[in-house]
Amino acid sequence: MRRFIEIMWLAIAAISIVEMIVGYNQKGISSQHFQLFGLVFVVAVFMYFLRKRQRKNIDSNKTKM
């Protein structure tokens, strides 16, 4: 289940990149669409690495027991 959540964060990041490109093509960097999905992309990438680190810590703790 934890790995599935990581994959979902990657999917959100990928969708955000596509939406950023659409927003950039419409009005450029000043587009509110571009900026919003840029923020979503940054959060999604951060959450992916955070969840991955948590999963590895939990998995290593289980093997120590």
N, C-alpha and C. Protein backbone atom coordinates (compact mmCIF):
# COMPACT_ATOMS: atom_id res chain seq x y z
N MET A 1 0.82 -1.19 0.00
CA MET A 1 0.00 0.00 0.00
C MET A 1 0.87 1.26 0.00
N ARG A 2 1.96 1.24 0.75
CA ARG A 2 2.82 2.43 0.80
C ARG A 2 3.43 2.73 -0.56
N ARG A 3 3.83 1.70 -1.27
CA ARG A 3 4.41 1.89 -2.60
C ARG A 3 3.37 2.45 -3.57
N PHE A 4 2.13 2.02 -3.43
CA PHE A 4 1.04 2.53 -4.27
C PHE A 4 0.87 4.04 -4.07
N ILE A 5 0.97 4.49 -2.83
CA ILE A 5 0.84 5.92 -2.54
C ILE A 5 1.99 6.69 -3.18
N GLU A 6 3.19 6.12 -3.14
CA GLU A 6 4.33 6.76 -3.81
C GLU A 6 4.06 6.91 -5.31
N ILE A 7 3.53 5.87 -5.91
CA ILE A 7 3.23 5.90 -7.35
C ILE A 7 2.16 6.94 -7.65
N MET A 8 1.20 7.07 -6.76
CA MET A 8 0.15 8.08 -6.95
C MET A 8 0.74 9.49 -6.91
N TRP A 9 1.70 9.74 -6.02
CA TRP A 9 2.35 11.06 -5.98
C TRP A 9 3.12 11.32 -7.26
N LEU A 10 3.75 10.29 -7.81
CA LEU A 10 4.44 10.45 -9.09
C LEU A 10 3.45 10.76 -10.22
N ALA A 11 2.30 10.11 -10.18
CA ALA A 11 1.27 10.36 -11.19
C ALA A 11 0.77 11.81 -11.08
N ILE A 12 0.58 12.28 -9.88
CA ILE A 12 0.14 13.67 -9.69
C ILE A 12 1.20 14.63 -10.23
N ALA A 13 2.47 14.32 -10.00
CA ALA A 13 3.55 15.16 -10.52
C ALA A 13 3.56 15.16 -12.04
N ALA A 14 3.33 14.00 -12.64
CA ALA A 14 3.33 13.90 -14.11
C ALA A 14 2.16 14.69 -14.70
N ILE A 15 1.00 14.58 -14.10
CA ILE A 15 -0.16 15.33 -14.57
C ILE A 15 0.08 16.83 -14.42
N SER A 16 0.72 17.21 -13.33
CA SER A 16 1.02 18.62 -13.10
C SER A 16 1.96 19.18 -14.15
N ILE A 17 2.94 18.38 -14.55
CA ILE A 17 3.86 18.83 -15.61
C ILE A 17 3.09 19.09 -16.90
N VAL A 18 2.19 18.19 -17.25
CA VAL A 18 1.40 18.36 -18.47
C VAL A 18 0.56 19.63 -18.37
N GLU A 19 -0.06 19.83 -17.22
CA GLU A 19 -0.89 21.03 -17.04
C GLU A 19 -0.05 22.30 -17.03
N MET A 20 1.17 22.22 -16.51
CA MET A 20 2.07 23.38 -16.57
C MET A 20 2.39 23.74 -18.02
N ILE A 21 2.62 22.74 -18.84
CA ILE A 21 2.92 22.98 -20.25
C ILE A 21 1.72 23.63 -20.93
N VAL A 22 0.53 23.14 -20.62
CA VAL A 22 -0.69 23.73 -21.20
C VAL A 22 -0.82 25.19 -20.76
N GLY A 23 -0.62 25.45 -19.48
CA GLY A 23 -0.72 26.82 -18.98
C GLY A 23 0.34 27.73 -19.59
N TYR A 24 1.54 27.21 -19.77
CA TYR A 24 2.61 28.00 -20.38
C TYR A 24 2.30 28.33 -21.83
N ASN A 25 1.76 27.36 -22.55
CA ASN A 25 1.42 27.60 -23.95
C ASN A 25 0.30 28.61 -24.11
N GLN A 26 -0.58 28.72 -23.12
CA GLN A 26 -1.70 29.65 -23.22
C GLN A 26 -1.28 31.09 -22.93
N LYS A 27 -0.60 31.30 -21.78
CA LYS A 27 -0.30 32.68 -21.38
C LYS A 27 1.13 32.88 -20.88
N GLY A 28 1.95 31.87 -20.93
CA GLY A 28 3.32 32.02 -20.47
C GLY A 28 3.46 31.78 -18.97
N ILE A 29 4.61 32.20 -18.44
CA ILE A 29 4.91 31.94 -17.04
C ILE A 29 3.99 32.70 -16.10
N SER A 30 3.47 33.82 -16.53
CA SER A 30 2.61 34.62 -15.66
C SER A 30 1.20 34.04 -15.53
N SER A 31 0.93 32.96 -16.24
CA SER A 31 -0.38 32.32 -16.17
C SER A 31 -0.62 31.74 -14.78
N GLN A 32 -1.79 32.01 -14.24
CA GLN A 32 -2.15 31.47 -12.93
C GLN A 32 -2.23 29.94 -12.98
N HIS A 33 -2.64 29.41 -14.09
CA HIS A 33 -2.71 27.97 -14.32
C HIS A 33 -1.31 27.35 -14.20
N PHE A 34 -0.34 27.98 -14.83
CA PHE A 34 1.05 27.51 -14.80
C PHE A 34 1.59 27.55 -13.38
N GLN A 35 1.36 28.63 -12.67
CA GLN A 35 1.88 28.78 -11.32
C GLN A 35 1.25 27.80 -10.35
N LEU A 36 -0.05 27.60 -10.45
CA LEU A 36 -0.75 26.67 -9.57
C LEU A 36 -0.22 25.26 -9.74
N PHE A 37 -0.11 24.80 -10.97
CA PHE A 37 0.36 23.45 -11.20
C PHE A 37 1.85 23.30 -10.97
N GLY A 38 2.58 24.40 -11.05
CA GLY A 38 3.99 24.37 -10.65
C GLY A 38 4.11 24.09 -9.16
N LEU A 39 3.26 24.73 -8.38
CA LEU A 39 3.23 24.49 -6.93
C LEU A 39 2.80 23.06 -6.62
N VAL A 40 1.79 22.57 -7.32
CA VAL A 40 1.33 21.19 -7.12
C VAL A 40 2.44 20.21 -7.48
N PHE A 41 3.19 20.49 -8.53
CA PHE A 41 4.30 19.64 -8.93
C PHE A 41 5.36 19.57 -7.83
N VAL A 42 5.74 20.71 -7.30
CA VAL A 42 6.77 20.75 -6.25
C VAL A 42 6.31 19.98 -5.02
N VAL A 43 5.06 20.16 -4.62
CA VAL A 43 4.53 19.45 -3.46
C VAL A 43 4.48 17.95 -3.72
N ALA A 44 4.06 17.55 -4.91
CA ALA A 44 3.96 16.13 -5.24
C ALA A 44 5.34 15.46 -5.23
N VAL A 45 6.34 16.12 -5.77
CA VAL A 45 7.69 15.56 -5.77
C VAL A 45 8.21 15.46 -4.34
N PHE A 46 7.98 16.49 -3.54
CA PHE A 46 8.39 16.47 -2.14
C PHE A 46 7.71 15.32 -1.39
N MET A 47 6.41 15.15 -1.60
CA MET A 47 5.68 14.08 -0.92
C MET A 47 6.15 12.71 -1.37
N TYR A 48 6.49 12.57 -2.65
CA TYR A 48 7.00 11.29 -3.13
C TYR A 48 8.27 10.90 -2.38
N PHE A 49 9.22 11.82 -2.30
CA PHE A 49 10.47 11.49 -1.63
C PHE A 49 10.28 11.31 -0.13
N LEU A 50 9.39 12.08 0.47
CA LEU A 50 9.09 11.92 1.89
C LEU A 50 8.49 10.55 2.16
N ARG A 51 7.50 10.16 1.39
CA ARG A 51 6.87 8.84 1.57
C ARG A 51 7.85 7.70 1.29
N LYS A 52 8.69 7.87 0.31
CA LYS A 52 9.67 6.83 -0.01
C LYS A 52 10.63 6.64 1.16
N ARG A 53 11.08 7.74 1.71
CA ARG A 53 11.99 7.67 2.87
C ARG A 53 11.29 7.02 4.07
N GLN A 54 10.04 7.39 4.31
CA GLN A 54 9.28 6.79 5.42
C GLN A 54 9.11 5.29 5.22
N ARG A 55 8.79 4.88 4.00
CA ARG A 55 8.60 3.46 3.73
C ARG A 55 9.89 2.68 3.97
N LYS A 56 11.00 3.23 3.52
CA LYS A 56 12.27 2.54 3.71
C LYS A 56 12.62 2.44 5.19
N ASN A 57 12.33 3.48 5.96
CA ASN A 57 12.58 3.43 7.40
C ASN A 57 11.70 2.39 8.08
N ILE A 58 10.46 2.32 7.70
CA ILE A 58 9.54 1.33 8.28
C ILE A 58 9.97 -0.07 7.91
N ASP A 59 10.35 -0.26 6.65
CA ASP A 59 10.79 -1.58 6.20
C ASP A 59 12.07 -2.02 6.91
N SER A 60 12.99 -1.09 7.11
CA SER A 60 14.24 -1.46 7.80
C SER A 60 13.98 -1.75 9.28
N ASN A 61 13.02 -1.08 9.88
CA ASN A 61 12.68 -1.35 11.27
C ASN A 61 12.03 -2.73 11.43
N LYS A 62 11.26 -3.14 10.45
CA LYS A 62 10.62 -4.45 10.51
C LYS A 62 11.64 -5.57 10.39
N THR A 63 12.67 -5.36 9.60
CA THR A 63 13.69 -6.40 9.43
C THR A 63 14.58 -6.52 10.65
N LYS A 64 14.71 -5.45 11.43
CA LYS A 64 15.54 -5.49 12.64
C LYS A 64 14.86 -6.28 13.75
N MET A 65 13.56 -6.35 13.72
CA MET A 65 12.83 -7.03 14.80
C MET A 65 12.95 -8.49 14.70
